[in-house]
Amino acid sequence: MPELPEVETTRRGVEPYSLGREVRQIVVRESRLRWPVPADLTRKLRGQRIEAVERRAKYLLFRTSAGTLLVHLGMSGSLRVIDPAQPPGKHDHIDILFQDKHCLRFNDPRRFGCFLWLEPHEQHPLLSHLGPEPLSEQFDGDLLYRRSRGRKGAVKPFVMDGKVVVGVGNIYANEALFLSGIRPDRPAGRISALRYQRLSDNIKQVLTSAIDQGGTTLRDFVGGDGKPGYFAQQLSVYGRAGLPCKCCKRPLREVRLGQRSSVYCVACQR
């Protein structure tokens, strides 16, 4: 699934081609996504000018004076800038065409993504219970420390909980915990404030680095310009179970936490 850096990479890629531009037409070839595409989406968005292109967690928000288009890429979706003359492929479900002839094309082989419409000032249930953004000033070690008190569950699922902080997906949680020297299965409530400060700093560092490099291409993801991300070349633990730790050379171990693969070093993390 595209994680926060991949979604932010997409946002930055499509923003120059949509911000300030008027929507000329929407072509919906397949409306059966995770939730049905609203039947009146074309009527509501056509003729509107995109006033802002934002990201909240893993959602893209295209804001207009009439309302907001809410987009999620799902498990394997992508939103790319293309020449509208390019024939659609099998999984090219939606086109947004602008007056200047640019086109945003949504491709989603598994159809787990979504295109939804929010009326002005509407707070959608998908967004209403989200925690702070990890790159914002509201997120720090003190927040993690306070919200972890009394929790007996493992720290990795804790930092991946969108109600605690949004957008820290499996890849980046593995990497940040490794940099912080914290085992992913350590009880969240038994980690000190100092170590949580180190973890929050490393979450910011890992996400920022991944965004700067265009995300992590593992299977399906490419950015808005159709190019892959390169952060995968710097992964220290994710996907490296059984391989030597890059620091101490001991074999990395793998455990399952919250139905997710978690890779760590028994020597460097405690």
Protein backbone atom coordinates (compact mmCIF):
# COMPACT_ATOMS: atom_id res chain seq x y z
CA MET A 1 0.00 0.00 0.00
CA PRO A 2 1.29 3.51 -0.76
CA GLU A 3 2.29 5.03 2.56
CA LEU A 4 2.54 8.68 3.59
CA PRO A 5 5.76 9.47 1.64
CA GLU A 6 4.29 7.92 -1.52
CA VAL A 7 1.07 9.91 -1.15
CA GLU A 8 2.99 13.13 -0.46
CA THR A 9 5.16 12.42 -3.50
CA THR A 10 1.99 12.07 -5.56
CA ARG A 11 0.58 15.31 -4.13
CA ARG A 12 3.73 17.21 -5.03
CA GLY A 13 3.75 15.64 -8.48
CA VAL A 14 0.17 16.50 -9.42
CA GLU A 15 -0.11 19.89 -7.69
CA PRO A 16 1.63 21.95 -10.43
CA TYR A 17 -0.75 20.52 -13.03
CA SER A 18 -3.98 21.00 -11.08
CA LEU A 19 -3.61 23.96 -8.71
CA GLY A 20 -5.46 27.00 -10.03
CA ARG A 21 -6.82 25.09 -13.03
CA GLU A 22 -10.45 24.61 -14.00
CA VAL A 23 -11.87 21.12 -14.32
CA ARG A 24 -13.23 20.68 -17.85
CA GLN A 25 -14.49 17.11 -17.63
CA ILE A 26 -14.42 13.97 -15.51
CA VAL A 27 -14.52 10.55 -17.12
CA VAL A 28 -15.55 7.70 -14.81
CA ARG A 29 -15.03 4.36 -16.54
CA GLU A 30 -15.43 2.29 -13.39
CA SER A 31 -17.37 3.57 -10.38
CA ARG A 32 -17.10 0.40 -8.28
CA LEU A 33 -14.15 1.33 -6.10
CA ARG A 34 -13.87 0.69 -2.35
CA TRP A 35 -16.95 2.90 -2.08
CA PRO A 36 -19.01 3.76 -5.18
CA VAL A 37 -17.96 6.95 -6.93
CA PRO A 38 -20.82 9.45 -6.31
CA ALA A 39 -23.13 9.57 -9.30
CA ASP A 40 -23.17 13.37 -9.21
CA LEU A 41 -19.38 13.81 -8.88
CA THR A 42 -19.02 14.96 -12.49
CA ARG A 43 -21.74 17.59 -12.10
CA LYS A 44 -20.31 18.93 -8.85
CA LEU A 45 -16.65 19.10 -9.89
CA ARG A 46 -16.96 20.14 -13.53
CA GLY A 47 -16.26 23.85 -14.01
CA GLN A 48 -14.66 24.20 -10.57
CA ARG A 49 -11.19 25.64 -10.06
CA ILE A 50 -8.76 23.72 -7.84
CA GLU A 51 -7.85 26.13 -5.03
CA ALA A 52 -5.60 23.81 -3.00
CA VAL A 53 -4.07 20.33 -3.26
CA GLU A 54 -3.54 18.99 0.25
CA ARG A 55 -2.76 15.72 2.02
CA ARG A 56 -4.26 14.47 5.27
CA ALA A 57 -2.71 11.18 6.37
CA LYS A 58 -2.88 9.05 3.19
CA TYR A 59 -5.76 11.01 1.65
CA LEU A 60 -5.44 13.62 -1.10
CA LEU A 61 -7.75 16.63 -0.90
CA PHE A 62 -8.52 18.70 -4.01
CA ARG A 63 -10.30 21.77 -2.63
CA THR A 64 -12.68 24.00 -4.59
CA SER A 65 -15.18 26.68 -3.58
CA ALA A 66 -17.99 24.15 -4.12
CA GLY A 67 -16.49 21.36 -2.02
CA THR A 68 -13.55 18.95 -1.83
CA LEU A 69 -12.61 15.87 -3.82
CA LEU A 70 -11.28 13.21 -1.42
CA VAL A 71 -8.96 10.65 -3.04
CA HIS A 72 -7.31 7.55 -1.59
CA LEU A 73 -4.92 5.43 -3.63
CA GLY A 74 -5.93 2.17 -1.96
CA MET A 75 -3.59 -0.83 -2.04
CA SER A 76 -2.05 -0.32 -5.46
CA GLY A 77 -3.55 2.82 -6.96
CA SER A 78 -1.76 5.71 -8.62
CA LEU A 79 -2.69 9.18 -9.80
CA ARG A 80 -0.54 10.35 -12.71
CA VAL A 81 -0.23 13.33 -14.99
CA ILE A 82 -0.63 12.12 -18.58
CA ASP A 83 -1.40 13.28 -22.10
CA PRO A 84 -5.21 12.96 -22.39
CA ALA A 85 -4.74 11.52 -25.87
CA GLN A 86 -3.12 8.43 -24.32
CA PRO A 87 -5.58 5.51 -24.60
CA PRO A 88 -6.79 4.24 -21.21
CA GLY A 89 -5.57 0.89 -19.95
CA LYS A 90 -7.56 -1.87 -18.32
CA HIS A 91 -7.34 -0.40 -14.82
CA ASP A 92 -7.50 3.30 -15.71
CA HIS A 93 -10.80 4.03 -13.98
CA ILE A 94 -11.05 7.83 -13.75
CA ASP A 95 -9.72 10.84 -15.69
CA ILE A 96 -9.83 14.45 -14.50
CA LEU A 97 -9.30 16.73 -17.49
CA PHE A 98 -8.43 20.41 -17.12
CA GLN A 99 -9.04 23.34 -19.42
CA ASP A 100 -5.33 23.54 -20.27
CA LYS A 101 -5.47 19.95 -21.64
CA HIS A 102 -3.64 18.32 -18.71
CA CYS A 103 -5.13 15.08 -17.39
CA LEU A 104 -4.91 13.31 -14.03
CA ARG A 105 -5.53 9.59 -14.55
CA PHE A 106 -6.41 7.26 -11.67
CA ASN A 107 -5.25 3.68 -12.08
CA ASP A 108 -6.24 1.06 -9.49
CA PRO A 109 -5.93 -2.66 -10.35
CA ARG A 110 -7.49 -3.83 -7.07
CA ARG A 111 -10.15 -1.09 -6.86
CA PHE A 112 -9.48 -0.43 -3.14
CA GLY A 113 -9.04 3.30 -3.69
CA CYS A 114 -11.76 5.92 -3.47
CA PHE A 115 -13.06 9.13 -5.04
CA LEU A 116 -15.52 10.85 -2.69
CA TRP A 117 -17.03 14.33 -2.48
CA LEU A 118 -17.18 16.52 0.63
CA GLU A 119 -19.51 19.49 0.85
CA PRO A 120 -18.01 22.77 2.16
CA HIS A 121 -17.14 22.49 5.88
CA GLU A 122 -18.13 18.79 5.91
CA GLN A 123 -15.98 16.64 8.20
CA HIS A 124 -15.88 13.18 6.68
CA PRO A 125 -15.81 10.17 9.08
CA LEU A 126 -12.64 8.95 7.35
CA LEU A 127 -10.83 12.06 8.59
CA SER A 128 -12.58 12.92 11.84
CA HIS A 129 -10.66 10.63 14.22
CA LEU A 130 -7.15 10.96 12.81
CA GLY A 131 -4.18 11.83 14.98
CA PRO A 132 -1.64 14.58 14.24
CA GLU A 133 0.57 14.61 11.16
CA PRO A 134 4.01 13.12 11.93
CA LEU A 135 5.87 16.03 10.33
CA SER A 136 3.88 18.66 12.21
CA GLU A 137 4.82 20.53 15.39
CA GLN A 138 1.96 18.74 17.19
CA PHE A 139 3.83 15.43 16.96
CA ASP A 140 6.75 14.82 19.29
CA GLY A 141 8.11 12.43 21.88
CA ASP A 142 5.99 13.90 24.65
CA LEU A 143 2.81 13.05 22.73
CA LEU A 144 3.94 9.46 22.24
CA TYR A 145 4.96 9.15 25.89
CA ARG A 146 1.63 10.48 27.18
CA ARG A 147 -0.52 8.37 24.89
CA SER A 148 1.48 5.22 25.60
CA ARG A 149 1.03 5.22 29.37
CA GLY A 150 -0.73 2.10 30.57
CA ARG A 151 -0.50 0.36 27.19
CA LYS A 152 0.70 -3.23 27.29
CA GLY A 153 0.67 -3.77 23.53
CA ALA A 154 3.80 -3.62 21.38
CA VAL A 155 5.24 -0.26 20.38
CA LYS A 156 5.21 -0.87 16.63
CA PRO A 157 1.41 -1.25 16.30
CA PHE A 158 1.12 1.70 18.70
CA VAL A 159 3.01 4.12 16.42
CA MET A 160 1.12 2.72 13.40
CA ASP A 161 -2.24 3.56 15.02
CA GLY A 162 -3.74 6.43 13.02
CA LYS A 163 -5.49 7.74 16.13
CA VAL A 164 -2.09 8.24 17.78
CA VAL A 165 -0.25 9.65 14.75
CA VAL A 166 -1.14 9.33 11.07
CA GLY A 167 0.87 7.91 8.24
CA VAL A 168 3.55 5.88 10.02
CA GLY A 169 3.14 2.74 7.93
CA ASN A 170 4.84 -0.61 8.24
CA ILE A 171 7.98 0.19 6.26
CA TYR A 172 8.78 3.41 8.07
CA ALA A 173 7.86 2.12 11.54
CA ASN A 174 10.40 -0.69 11.08
CA GLU A 175 13.08 1.75 10.00
CA ALA A 176 12.44 4.38 12.68
CA LEU A 177 12.45 1.78 15.48
CA PHE A 178 15.76 0.42 14.22
CA LEU A 179 17.35 3.88 14.17
CA SER A 180 16.01 4.45 17.69
CA GLY A 181 17.35 1.16 19.06
CA ILE A 182 13.86 0.02 20.14
CA ARG A 183 12.58 -3.51 19.60
CA PRO A 184 9.25 -3.48 17.75
CA ASP A 185 7.69 -5.91 20.25
CA ARG A 186 8.62 -3.92 23.36
CA PRO A 187 5.50 -2.87 25.35
CA ALA A 188 4.60 0.70 24.44
CA GLY A 189 3.92 1.63 28.06
CA ARG A 190 7.41 0.63 29.19
CA ILE A 191 9.37 3.01 26.96
CA SER A 192 10.83 6.15 28.53
CA ALA A 193 10.10 9.73 27.50
CA LEU A 194 13.71 10.13 26.34
CA ARG A 195 13.48 7.12 24.02
CA TYR A 196 10.13 8.31 22.68
CA GLN A 197 11.72 11.66 21.84
CA ARG A 198 14.40 9.81 19.91
CA LEU A 199 11.74 7.74 18.15
CA SER A 200 9.65 10.77 17.16
CA ASP A 201 12.76 12.47 15.77
CA ASN A 202 13.63 9.38 13.75
CA ILE A 203 10.08 9.01 12.43
CA LYS A 204 10.35 12.57 11.10
CA GLN A 205 13.80 11.87 9.66
CA VAL A 206 12.80 8.64 7.92
CA LEU A 207 9.61 10.09 6.43
CA THR A 208 11.36 13.27 5.27
CA SER A 209 14.15 11.28 3.62
CA ALA A 210 11.64 9.00 1.89
CA ILE A 211 9.64 11.99 0.59
CA ASP A 212 12.81 13.63 -0.72
CA GLN A 213 13.62 10.45 -2.65
CA GLY A 214 10.14 9.96 -4.07
CA GLY A 215 8.91 7.20 -1.76
CA THR A 216 9.67 3.51 -1.54
CA THR A 217 8.92 1.43 -4.63
CA LEU A 218 8.31 -2.19 -3.60
CA ARG A 219 5.72 -3.45 -6.09
CA ASP A 220 3.15 -1.15 -7.59
CA PHE A 221 3.82 2.42 -6.56
CA VAL A 222 5.05 5.19 -8.83
CA GLY A 223 4.71 8.93 -8.27
CA GLY A 224 2.53 11.45 -10.06
CA ASP A 225 5.14 11.77 -12.79
CA GLY A 226 5.17 8.01 -13.39
CA LYS A 227 8.65 7.60 -11.89
CA PRO A 228 9.49 5.17 -9.06
CA GLY A 229 10.82 6.14 -5.65
CA TYR A 230 14.31 5.23 -4.51
CA PHE A 231 14.13 5.07 -0.70
CA ALA A 232 14.03 1.25 -0.84
CA GLN A 233 17.74 1.33 -1.60
CA GLN A 234 18.37 2.69 1.93
CA LEU A 235 16.21 0.31 3.97
CA SER A 236 18.07 -1.02 7.01
CA VAL A 237 15.68 -3.71 8.24
CA TYR A 238 12.39 -3.86 6.32
CA GLY A 239 12.39 -6.84 3.96
CA ARG A 240 15.86 -7.96 5.15
CA ALA A 241 14.97 -10.78 7.58
CA GLY A 242 17.87 -13.22 7.88
CA LEU A 243 20.36 -10.83 6.33
CA PRO A 244 23.17 -9.29 8.39
CA CYS A 245 22.47 -6.11 10.32
CA LYS A 246 24.16 -3.17 8.63
CA CYS A 247 25.56 -2.09 12.01
CA CYS A 248 26.60 -5.23 13.91
CA LYS A 249 26.39 -7.90 11.15
CA ARG A 250 24.19 -10.24 13.20
CA PRO A 251 21.29 -11.86 11.31
CA LEU A 252 18.09 -9.82 11.48
CA ARG A 253 15.05 -11.51 13.00
CA GLU A 254 11.42 -11.35 11.93
CA VAL A 255 8.27 -11.47 14.08
CA ARG A 256 4.58 -10.87 13.32
CA LEU A 257 2.95 -7.97 15.14
CA GLY A 258 -0.60 -6.98 14.35
CA GLN A 259 -0.50 -9.26 11.30
CA ARG A 260 2.45 -7.30 9.94
CA SER A 261 6.03 -8.37 9.37
CA SER A 262 8.46 -6.76 11.81
CA VAL A 263 12.21 -7.09 11.28
CA TYR A 264 14.73 -6.08 13.94
CA CYS A 265 18.24 -6.64 15.27
CA VAL A 266 18.52 -8.49 18.58
CA ALA A 267 21.78 -6.67 19.37
CA CYS A 268 21.05 -3.11 18.27
CA GLN A 269 17.44 -2.92 19.48
CA ARG A 270 16.20 -3.54 22.99
